[in-house]
Amino acid sequence: MQDVERKKSIAEISTDTRILIQKIESSLIKEQQEIVTYNELSAVIGRDVRDVDYLLRTARKHVEKNNNVLIDVVFGQGIKLTKDYSGNLQKTTDKIRRRSKRQLSRTLRAVSEDKAVNPEELTEINTQVSILGVINEFTKPKSVKKIKGKVEAN
């Protein structure tokens, strides 16, 4: 009988990811350490965690979801639990704004040079441009300040 190699399903978590999950949960949640360094995480899996950041990203998501916590990256050092919920959302908003603005500029430049764009596609492009324009408008610091004032008033 031949040895049939069993393929992993997508839902299976790699051994290294499981080890990282255990380390993060024990250090940040049970022991309430302030930070888990990349060196500590690398030591438990036997390789530099920065070279396999996808494993750490998966482990972070798992710990966040199963423990209802928010984990933040400390640049160049490691990861930590954070209670800065509004700051985390602000970073996300800023990133979305930058990406939408950049993509909007790139696409509009290309479309303006392309004479072969058909009317249906142009309608779809204009729809998406409008959506990105609204995102950019509502995430400007001045708009955020106005929205915050309205929220505080309620």
N, C-alpha and C. Protein backbone atom coordinates (compact mmCIF):
# COMPACT_ATOMS: atom_id res chain seq x y z
N MET A 1 0.83 -1.18 0.00
CA MET A 1 0.00 0.00 0.00
C MET A 1 0.87 1.25 0.00
N GLN A 2 0.51 2.23 -0.81
CA GLN A 2 1.30 3.45 -0.89
C GLN A 2 1.03 4.37 0.29
N ASP A 3 2.06 5.11 0.65
CA ASP A 3 1.86 6.15 1.66
C ASP A 3 1.18 7.33 0.99
N VAL A 4 0.03 7.66 1.46
CA VAL A 4 -0.70 8.80 0.91
C VAL A 4 -0.50 9.97 1.85
N GLU A 5 0.07 11.02 1.31
CA GLU A 5 0.31 12.20 2.13
C GLU A 5 -1.01 12.92 2.37
N ARG A 6 -1.32 13.13 3.62
CA ARG A 6 -2.55 13.80 4.00
C ARG A 6 -2.37 15.30 3.89
N LYS A 7 -3.26 15.95 3.15
CA LYS A 7 -3.20 17.40 3.01
C LYS A 7 -3.91 18.05 4.19
N LYS A 8 -3.36 19.16 4.64
CA LYS A 8 -3.99 19.90 5.73
C LYS A 8 -5.17 20.68 5.19
N SER A 9 -6.22 20.68 5.97
CA SER A 9 -7.34 21.54 5.59
C SER A 9 -7.01 22.96 6.01
N ILE A 10 -7.71 23.90 5.44
CA ILE A 10 -7.46 25.31 5.75
C ILE A 10 -7.70 25.59 7.23
N ALA A 11 -8.66 24.89 7.81
CA ALA A 11 -9.02 25.15 9.21
C ALA A 11 -7.97 24.68 10.21
N GLU A 12 -7.04 23.83 9.78
CA GLU A 12 -6.01 23.35 10.69
C GLU A 12 -4.96 24.43 10.94
N ILE A 13 -4.52 24.50 12.17
CA ILE A 13 -3.51 25.50 12.54
C ILE A 13 -2.17 24.77 12.67
N SER A 14 -1.13 25.38 12.12
CA SER A 14 0.19 24.74 12.17
C SER A 14 0.68 24.62 13.61
N THR A 15 1.61 23.71 13.80
CA THR A 15 2.18 23.48 15.13
C THR A 15 2.82 24.74 15.68
N ASP A 16 3.59 25.44 14.84
CA ASP A 16 4.25 26.67 15.29
C ASP A 16 3.22 27.73 15.70
N THR A 17 2.12 27.82 14.97
CA THR A 17 1.08 28.78 15.32
C THR A 17 0.45 28.41 16.66
N ARG A 18 0.21 27.13 16.88
CA ARG A 18 -0.34 26.68 18.17
C ARG A 18 0.60 27.03 19.32
N ILE A 19 1.88 26.84 19.10
CA ILE A 19 2.88 27.16 20.13
C ILE A 19 2.87 28.66 20.41
N LEU A 20 2.79 29.47 19.35
CA LEU A 20 2.74 30.93 19.53
C LEU A 20 1.47 31.34 20.29
N ILE A 21 0.35 30.71 19.96
CA ILE A 21 -0.91 31.01 20.66
C ILE A 21 -0.75 30.73 22.15
N GLN A 22 -0.19 29.58 22.48
CA GLN A 22 0.00 29.21 23.89
C GLN A 22 0.93 30.21 24.59
N LYS A 23 2.01 30.60 23.92
CA LYS A 23 2.96 31.55 24.52
C LYS A 23 2.30 32.91 24.74
N ILE A 24 1.57 33.39 23.75
CA ILE A 24 0.91 34.70 23.87
C ILE A 24 -0.13 34.67 24.98
N GLU A 25 -0.95 33.62 25.00
CA GLU A 25 -1.98 33.53 26.04
C GLU A 25 -1.37 33.43 27.43
N SER A 26 -0.34 32.61 27.58
CA SER A 26 0.27 32.46 28.90
C SER A 26 0.97 33.74 29.35
N SER A 27 1.67 34.39 28.44
CA SER A 27 2.44 35.58 28.81
C SER A 27 1.57 36.82 29.00
N LEU A 28 0.71 37.10 28.03
CA LEU A 28 -0.06 38.36 28.08
C LEU A 28 -1.32 38.24 28.93
N ILE A 29 -1.98 37.10 28.90
CA ILE A 29 -3.27 36.99 29.57
C ILE A 29 -3.13 36.40 30.97
N LYS A 30 -2.49 35.25 31.09
CA LYS A 30 -2.37 34.60 32.40
C LYS A 30 -1.36 35.31 33.30
N GLU A 31 -0.15 35.53 32.77
CA GLU A 31 0.91 36.15 33.58
C GLU A 31 0.84 37.67 33.55
N GLN A 32 0.05 38.22 32.67
CA GLN A 32 -0.16 39.67 32.51
C GLN A 32 1.16 40.44 32.32
N GLN A 33 2.05 39.84 31.51
CA GLN A 33 3.27 40.55 31.15
C GLN A 33 2.88 41.77 30.33
N GLU A 34 3.70 42.81 30.38
CA GLU A 34 3.41 44.01 29.61
C GLU A 34 3.64 43.78 28.12
N ILE A 35 4.68 43.02 27.80
CA ILE A 35 5.04 42.79 26.40
C ILE A 35 5.63 41.39 26.25
N VAL A 36 5.40 40.79 25.10
CA VAL A 36 6.07 39.54 24.73
C VAL A 36 6.99 39.92 23.58
N THR A 37 8.28 39.75 23.78
CA THR A 37 9.23 40.19 22.77
C THR A 37 9.31 39.20 21.61
N TYR A 38 9.77 39.72 20.49
CA TYR A 38 9.99 38.85 19.32
C TYR A 38 11.00 37.76 19.64
N ASN A 39 11.99 38.09 20.49
CA ASN A 39 13.00 37.09 20.87
C ASN A 39 12.37 35.94 21.65
N GLU A 40 11.44 36.26 22.57
CA GLU A 40 10.75 35.22 23.33
C GLU A 40 9.92 34.35 22.40
N LEU A 41 9.19 34.98 21.49
CA LEU A 41 8.35 34.24 20.56
C LEU A 41 9.20 33.39 19.62
N SER A 42 10.33 33.93 19.18
CA SER A 42 11.23 33.19 18.29
C SER A 42 11.80 31.97 19.01
N ALA A 43 12.12 32.14 20.29
CA ALA A 43 12.72 31.05 21.06
C ALA A 43 11.78 29.85 21.17
N VAL A 44 10.49 30.09 21.33
CA VAL A 44 9.57 28.97 21.52
C VAL A 44 9.30 28.18 20.24
N ILE A 45 9.48 28.81 19.07
CA ILE A 45 9.26 28.07 17.82
C ILE A 45 10.57 27.70 17.12
N GLY A 46 11.68 28.19 17.64
CA GLY A 46 12.98 27.79 17.10
C GLY A 46 13.38 28.47 15.81
N ARG A 47 12.71 29.56 15.48
CA ARG A 47 13.10 30.36 14.31
C ARG A 47 12.61 31.78 14.51
N ASP A 48 13.20 32.69 13.76
CA ASP A 48 12.87 34.11 13.92
C ASP A 48 11.42 34.36 13.50
N VAL A 49 10.62 34.79 14.44
CA VAL A 49 9.20 35.01 14.19
C VAL A 49 8.98 36.13 13.17
N ARG A 50 9.95 37.01 13.01
CA ARG A 50 9.81 38.09 12.02
C ARG A 50 9.93 37.58 10.59
N ASP A 51 10.54 36.41 10.44
CA ASP A 51 10.64 35.79 9.11
C ASP A 51 9.38 35.02 8.74
N VAL A 52 8.57 34.72 9.73
CA VAL A 52 7.31 33.99 9.51
C VAL A 52 6.17 34.78 10.16
N ASP A 53 6.09 36.05 9.78
CA ASP A 53 5.12 36.94 10.40
C ASP A 53 3.68 36.48 10.22
N TYR A 54 3.43 35.70 9.17
CA TYR A 54 2.08 35.18 8.94
C TYR A 54 1.66 34.25 10.08
N LEU A 55 2.59 33.52 10.67
CA LEU A 55 2.27 32.67 11.81
C LEU A 55 1.88 33.51 13.02
N LEU A 56 2.64 34.57 13.25
CA LEU A 56 2.33 35.46 14.38
C LEU A 56 1.01 36.17 14.16
N ARG A 57 0.75 36.59 12.94
CA ARG A 57 -0.52 37.27 12.63
C ARG A 57 -1.70 36.33 12.91
N THR A 58 -1.58 35.08 12.49
CA THR A 58 -2.64 34.10 12.74
C THR A 58 -2.81 33.86 14.25
N ALA A 59 -1.71 33.73 14.95
CA ALA A 59 -1.77 33.51 16.40
C ALA A 59 -2.42 34.70 17.10
N ARG A 60 -2.03 35.91 16.71
CA ARG A 60 -2.64 37.13 17.30
C ARG A 60 -4.14 37.15 17.09
N LYS A 61 -4.57 36.89 15.85
CA LYS A 61 -6.01 36.88 15.55
C LYS A 61 -6.74 35.86 16.41
N HIS A 62 -6.16 34.68 16.55
CA HIS A 62 -6.77 33.62 17.34
C HIS A 62 -6.91 34.05 18.81
N VAL A 63 -5.85 34.58 19.38
CA VAL A 63 -5.87 35.01 20.79
C VAL A 63 -6.88 36.14 20.98
N GLU A 64 -6.87 37.11 20.06
CA GLU A 64 -7.82 38.22 20.16
C GLU A 64 -9.26 37.72 20.13
N LYS A 65 -9.55 36.85 19.20
CA LYS A 65 -10.92 36.37 19.03
C LYS A 65 -11.38 35.51 20.21
N ASN A 66 -10.53 34.61 20.67
CA ASN A 66 -10.94 33.69 21.73
C ASN A 66 -10.86 34.27 23.13
N ASN A 67 -10.18 35.41 23.29
CA ASN A 67 -10.05 36.00 24.62
C ASN A 67 -10.66 37.41 24.69
N ASN A 68 -11.26 37.85 23.59
CA ASN A 68 -11.88 39.19 23.53
C ASN A 68 -10.93 40.28 24.01
N VAL A 69 -9.73 40.29 23.43
CA VAL A 69 -8.73 41.29 23.74
C VAL A 69 -8.23 41.91 22.44
N LEU A 70 -7.46 42.98 22.58
CA LEU A 70 -6.86 43.64 21.43
C LEU A 70 -5.35 43.64 21.63
N ILE A 71 -4.62 43.10 20.66
CA ILE A 71 -3.17 43.01 20.74
C ILE A 71 -2.58 43.98 19.74
N ASP A 72 -1.58 44.73 20.18
CA ASP A 72 -0.93 45.72 19.34
C ASP A 72 0.54 45.38 19.18
N VAL A 73 1.13 45.84 18.11
CA VAL A 73 2.54 45.63 17.84
C VAL A 73 3.35 46.77 18.44
N VAL A 74 4.44 46.42 19.11
CA VAL A 74 5.40 47.41 19.58
C VAL A 74 6.56 47.32 18.61
N PHE A 75 6.66 48.30 17.72
CA PHE A 75 7.60 48.25 16.60
C PHE A 75 9.00 47.86 17.04
N GLY A 76 9.53 46.81 16.41
CA GLY A 76 10.89 46.36 16.65
C GLY A 76 11.08 45.60 17.94
N GLN A 77 10.02 45.47 18.78
CA GLN A 77 10.18 44.81 20.08
C GLN A 77 9.34 43.56 20.23
N GLY A 78 8.04 43.66 19.97
CA GLY A 78 7.17 42.52 20.18
C GLY A 78 5.71 42.92 20.11
N ILE A 79 4.88 42.24 20.92
CA ILE A 79 3.46 42.53 20.95
C ILE A 79 3.00 42.73 22.39
N LYS A 80 1.87 43.44 22.54
CA LYS A 80 1.34 43.72 23.87
C LYS A 80 -0.18 43.83 23.79
N LEU A 81 -0.82 43.65 24.95
CA LEU A 81 -2.25 43.92 25.04
C LEU A 81 -2.43 45.42 25.07
N THR A 82 -3.50 45.90 24.47
CA THR A 82 -3.76 47.33 24.50
C THR A 82 -5.21 47.59 24.87
N LYS A 83 -5.41 48.69 25.54
CA LYS A 83 -6.75 49.17 25.87
C LYS A 83 -7.05 50.44 25.09
N ASP A 84 -6.13 50.81 24.19
CA ASP A 84 -6.30 52.03 23.38
C ASP A 84 -7.21 51.73 22.19
N TYR A 85 -8.48 51.50 22.49
CA TYR A 85 -9.43 51.11 21.45
C TYR A 85 -9.64 52.21 20.42
N SER A 86 -9.80 53.44 20.89
CA SER A 86 -10.03 54.54 19.93
C SER A 86 -8.77 54.80 19.11
N GLY A 87 -7.61 54.68 19.71
CA GLY A 87 -6.36 54.85 18.97
C GLY A 87 -6.19 53.79 17.90
N ASN A 88 -6.60 52.57 18.22
CA ASN A 88 -6.53 51.48 17.25
C ASN A 88 -7.46 51.74 16.08
N LEU A 89 -8.67 52.21 16.38
CA LEU A 89 -9.61 52.53 15.31
C LEU A 89 -9.12 53.72 14.49
N GLN A 90 -8.48 54.69 15.15
CA GLN A 90 -7.94 55.85 14.44
C GLN A 90 -6.85 55.43 13.46
N LYS A 91 -5.97 54.51 13.89
CA LYS A 91 -4.92 54.02 12.99
C LYS A 91 -5.54 53.34 11.77
N THR A 92 -6.59 52.56 12.01
CA THR A 92 -7.27 51.87 10.92
C THR A 92 -7.90 52.87 9.97
N THR A 93 -8.57 53.88 10.51
CA THR A 93 -9.20 54.92 9.69
C THR A 93 -8.16 55.65 8.85
N ASP A 94 -7.04 56.00 9.46
CA ASP A 94 -5.97 56.69 8.73
C ASP A 94 -5.42 55.83 7.60
N LYS A 95 -5.25 54.54 7.88
CA LYS A 95 -4.72 53.63 6.86
C LYS A 95 -5.71 53.50 5.69
N ILE A 96 -6.99 53.37 6.01
CA ILE A 96 -8.01 53.27 4.95
C ILE A 96 -8.01 54.55 4.12
N ARG A 97 -7.93 55.69 4.78
CA ARG A 97 -7.93 56.97 4.06
C ARG A 97 -6.74 57.08 3.12
N ARG A 98 -5.56 56.76 3.62
CA ARG A 98 -4.35 56.84 2.78
C ARG A 98 -4.44 55.90 1.59
N ARG A 99 -4.86 54.66 1.85
CA ARG A 99 -4.94 53.67 0.76
C ARG A 99 -5.99 54.06 -0.27
N SER A 100 -7.16 54.54 0.18
CA SER A 100 -8.21 54.89 -0.78
C SER A 100 -7.79 56.11 -1.60
N LYS A 101 -7.15 57.06 -0.96
CA LYS A 101 -6.70 58.26 -1.67
C LYS A 101 -5.65 57.92 -2.72
N ARG A 102 -4.71 57.06 -2.33
CA ARG A 102 -3.64 56.65 -3.25
C ARG A 102 -4.22 55.86 -4.43
N GLN A 103 -5.11 54.92 -4.15
CA GLN A 103 -5.69 54.09 -5.20
C GLN A 103 -6.57 54.93 -6.12
N LEU A 104 -7.28 55.87 -5.55
CA LEU A 104 -8.11 56.77 -6.33
C LEU A 104 -7.27 57.55 -7.34
N SER A 105 -6.17 58.11 -6.88
CA SER A 105 -5.27 58.88 -7.76
C SER A 105 -4.70 58.00 -8.87
N ARG A 106 -4.23 56.82 -8.51
CA ARG A 106 -3.64 55.91 -9.49
C ARG A 106 -4.65 55.53 -10.57
N THR A 107 -5.85 55.18 -10.13
CA THR A 107 -6.88 54.73 -11.08
C THR A 107 -7.33 55.86 -11.98
N LEU A 108 -7.56 57.03 -11.41
CA LEU A 108 -8.02 58.16 -12.22
C LEU A 108 -6.98 58.57 -13.27
N ARG A 109 -5.69 58.51 -12.90
CA ARG A 109 -4.64 58.81 -13.87
C ARG A 109 -4.69 57.83 -15.03
N ALA A 110 -4.84 56.55 -14.72
CA ALA A 110 -4.85 55.52 -15.76
C ALA A 110 -6.10 55.63 -16.63
N VAL A 111 -7.25 55.86 -16.02
CA VAL A 111 -8.51 55.95 -16.76
C VAL A 111 -8.50 57.16 -17.69
N SER A 112 -7.92 58.26 -17.24
CA SER A 112 -7.90 59.46 -18.07
C SER A 112 -7.09 59.26 -19.35
N GLU A 113 -6.14 58.33 -19.33
CA GLU A 113 -5.31 58.04 -20.49
C GLU A 113 -5.89 56.93 -21.37
N ASP A 114 -6.84 56.18 -20.84
CA ASP A 114 -7.38 55.02 -21.56
C ASP A 114 -8.65 55.43 -22.31
N LYS A 115 -8.54 55.50 -23.61
CA LYS A 115 -9.68 55.93 -24.46
C LYS A 115 -10.63 54.77 -24.75
N ALA A 116 -10.25 53.54 -24.36
CA ALA A 116 -11.06 52.37 -24.70
C ALA A 116 -12.02 51.94 -23.59
N VAL A 117 -12.18 52.77 -22.56
CA VAL A 117 -13.09 52.42 -21.46
C VAL A 117 -14.52 52.57 -21.96
N ASN A 118 -15.30 51.48 -21.82
CA ASN A 118 -16.68 51.52 -22.30
C ASN A 118 -17.60 52.21 -21.28
N PRO A 119 -18.79 52.65 -21.68
CA PRO A 119 -19.69 53.39 -20.80
C PRO A 119 -20.11 52.62 -19.53
N GLU A 120 -20.33 51.31 -19.65
CA GLU A 120 -20.72 50.53 -18.46
C GLU A 120 -19.59 50.51 -17.43
N GLU A 121 -18.38 50.31 -17.94
CA GLU A 121 -17.22 50.29 -17.05
C GLU A 121 -16.99 51.67 -16.43
N LEU A 122 -17.20 52.72 -17.22
CA LEU A 122 -17.04 54.08 -16.72
C LEU A 122 -18.06 54.38 -15.60
N THR A 123 -19.26 53.86 -15.74
CA THR A 123 -20.27 54.01 -14.70
C THR A 123 -19.81 53.32 -13.41
N GLU A 124 -19.29 52.11 -13.54
CA GLU A 124 -18.78 51.39 -12.36
C GLU A 124 -17.60 52.12 -11.74
N ILE A 125 -16.71 52.63 -12.56
CA ILE A 125 -15.55 53.39 -12.07
C ILE A 125 -16.03 54.62 -11.31
N ASN A 126 -16.98 55.36 -11.88
CA ASN A 126 -17.49 56.56 -11.22
C ASN A 126 -18.19 56.23 -9.91
N THR A 127 -18.87 55.10 -9.86
CA THR A 127 -19.51 54.67 -8.60
C THR A 127 -18.45 54.43 -7.53
N GLN A 128 -17.40 53.69 -7.89
CA GLN A 128 -16.34 53.40 -6.93
C GLN A 128 -15.58 54.66 -6.53
N VAL A 129 -15.36 55.55 -7.48
CA VAL A 129 -14.70 56.83 -7.20
C VAL A 129 -15.52 57.62 -6.19
N SER A 130 -16.84 57.61 -6.36
CA SER A 130 -17.72 58.33 -5.43
C SER A 130 -17.63 57.74 -4.03
N ILE A 131 -17.62 56.42 -3.94
CA ILE A 131 -17.51 55.76 -2.63
C ILE A 131 -16.20 56.13 -1.95
N LEU A 132 -15.09 56.04 -2.71
CA LEU A 132 -13.79 56.40 -2.13
C LEU A 132 -13.72 57.88 -1.78
N GLY A 133 -14.38 58.71 -2.58
CA GLY A 133 -14.43 60.15 -2.27
C GLY A 133 -15.14 60.42 -0.96
N VAL A 134 -16.23 59.70 -0.72
CA VAL A 134 -16.97 59.86 0.54
C VAL A 134 -16.10 59.41 1.71
N ILE A 135 -15.41 58.27 1.54
CA ILE A 135 -14.51 57.78 2.61
C ILE A 135 -13.46 58.85 2.92
N ASN A 136 -12.85 59.40 1.87
CA ASN A 136 -11.83 60.44 2.08
C ASN A 136 -12.40 61.66 2.77
N GLU A 137 -13.58 62.07 2.37
CA GLU A 137 -14.19 63.27 2.96
C GLU A 137 -14.54 63.06 4.43
N PHE A 138 -15.11 61.91 4.75
CA PHE A 138 -15.53 61.66 6.13
C PHE A 138 -14.37 61.33 7.07
N THR A 139 -13.21 60.99 6.54
CA THR A 139 -12.07 60.65 7.40
C THR A 139 -11.06 61.78 7.52
N LYS A 140 -11.35 62.91 6.91
CA LYS A 140 -10.46 64.07 7.08
C LYS A 140 -10.55 64.54 8.54
N PRO A 141 -9.42 65.01 9.08
CA PRO A 141 -9.43 65.46 10.48
C PRO A 141 -10.55 66.47 10.78
N LYS A 142 -10.79 67.38 9.87
CA LYS A 142 -11.84 68.38 10.09
C LYS A 142 -13.22 67.71 10.18
N SER A 143 -13.48 66.74 9.32
CA SER A 143 -14.76 66.02 9.34
C SER A 143 -14.89 65.17 10.60
N VAL A 144 -13.80 64.52 10.98
CA VAL A 144 -13.82 63.70 12.19
C VAL A 144 -14.15 64.57 13.41
N LYS A 145 -13.58 65.76 13.44
CA LYS A 145 -13.85 66.69 14.55
C LYS A 145 -15.34 67.06 14.60
N LYS A 146 -15.94 67.31 13.44
CA LYS A 146 -17.37 67.63 13.38
C LYS A 146 -18.21 66.46 13.86
N ILE A 147 -17.87 65.26 13.39
CA ILE A 147 -18.61 64.06 13.77
C ILE A 147 -18.49 63.83 15.28
N LYS A 148 -17.30 64.03 15.80
CA LYS A 148 -17.08 63.85 17.24
C LYS A 148 -17.95 64.82 18.03
N GLY A 149 -18.05 66.06 17.55
CA GLY A 149 -18.89 67.05 18.22
C GLY A 149 -20.35 66.63 18.25
N LYS A 150 -20.82 66.07 17.15
CA LYS A 150 -22.22 65.59 17.08
C LYS A 150 -22.43 64.40 18.02
N VAL A 151 -21.46 63.50 18.08
CA VAL A 151 -21.57 62.33 18.96
C VAL A 151 -21.60 62.77 20.41
N GLU A 152 -20.73 63.72 20.77
CA GLU A 152 -20.67 64.21 22.15
C GLU A 152 -21.96 64.92 22.54
N ALA A 153 -22.59 65.56 21.58
CA ALA A 153 -23.85 66.30 21.85
C ALA A 153 -24.99 65.35 22.18
N ASN A 154 -24.89 64.12 21.69
CA ASN A 154 -25.97 63.15 21.96
C ASN A 154 -25.70 62.45 23.21
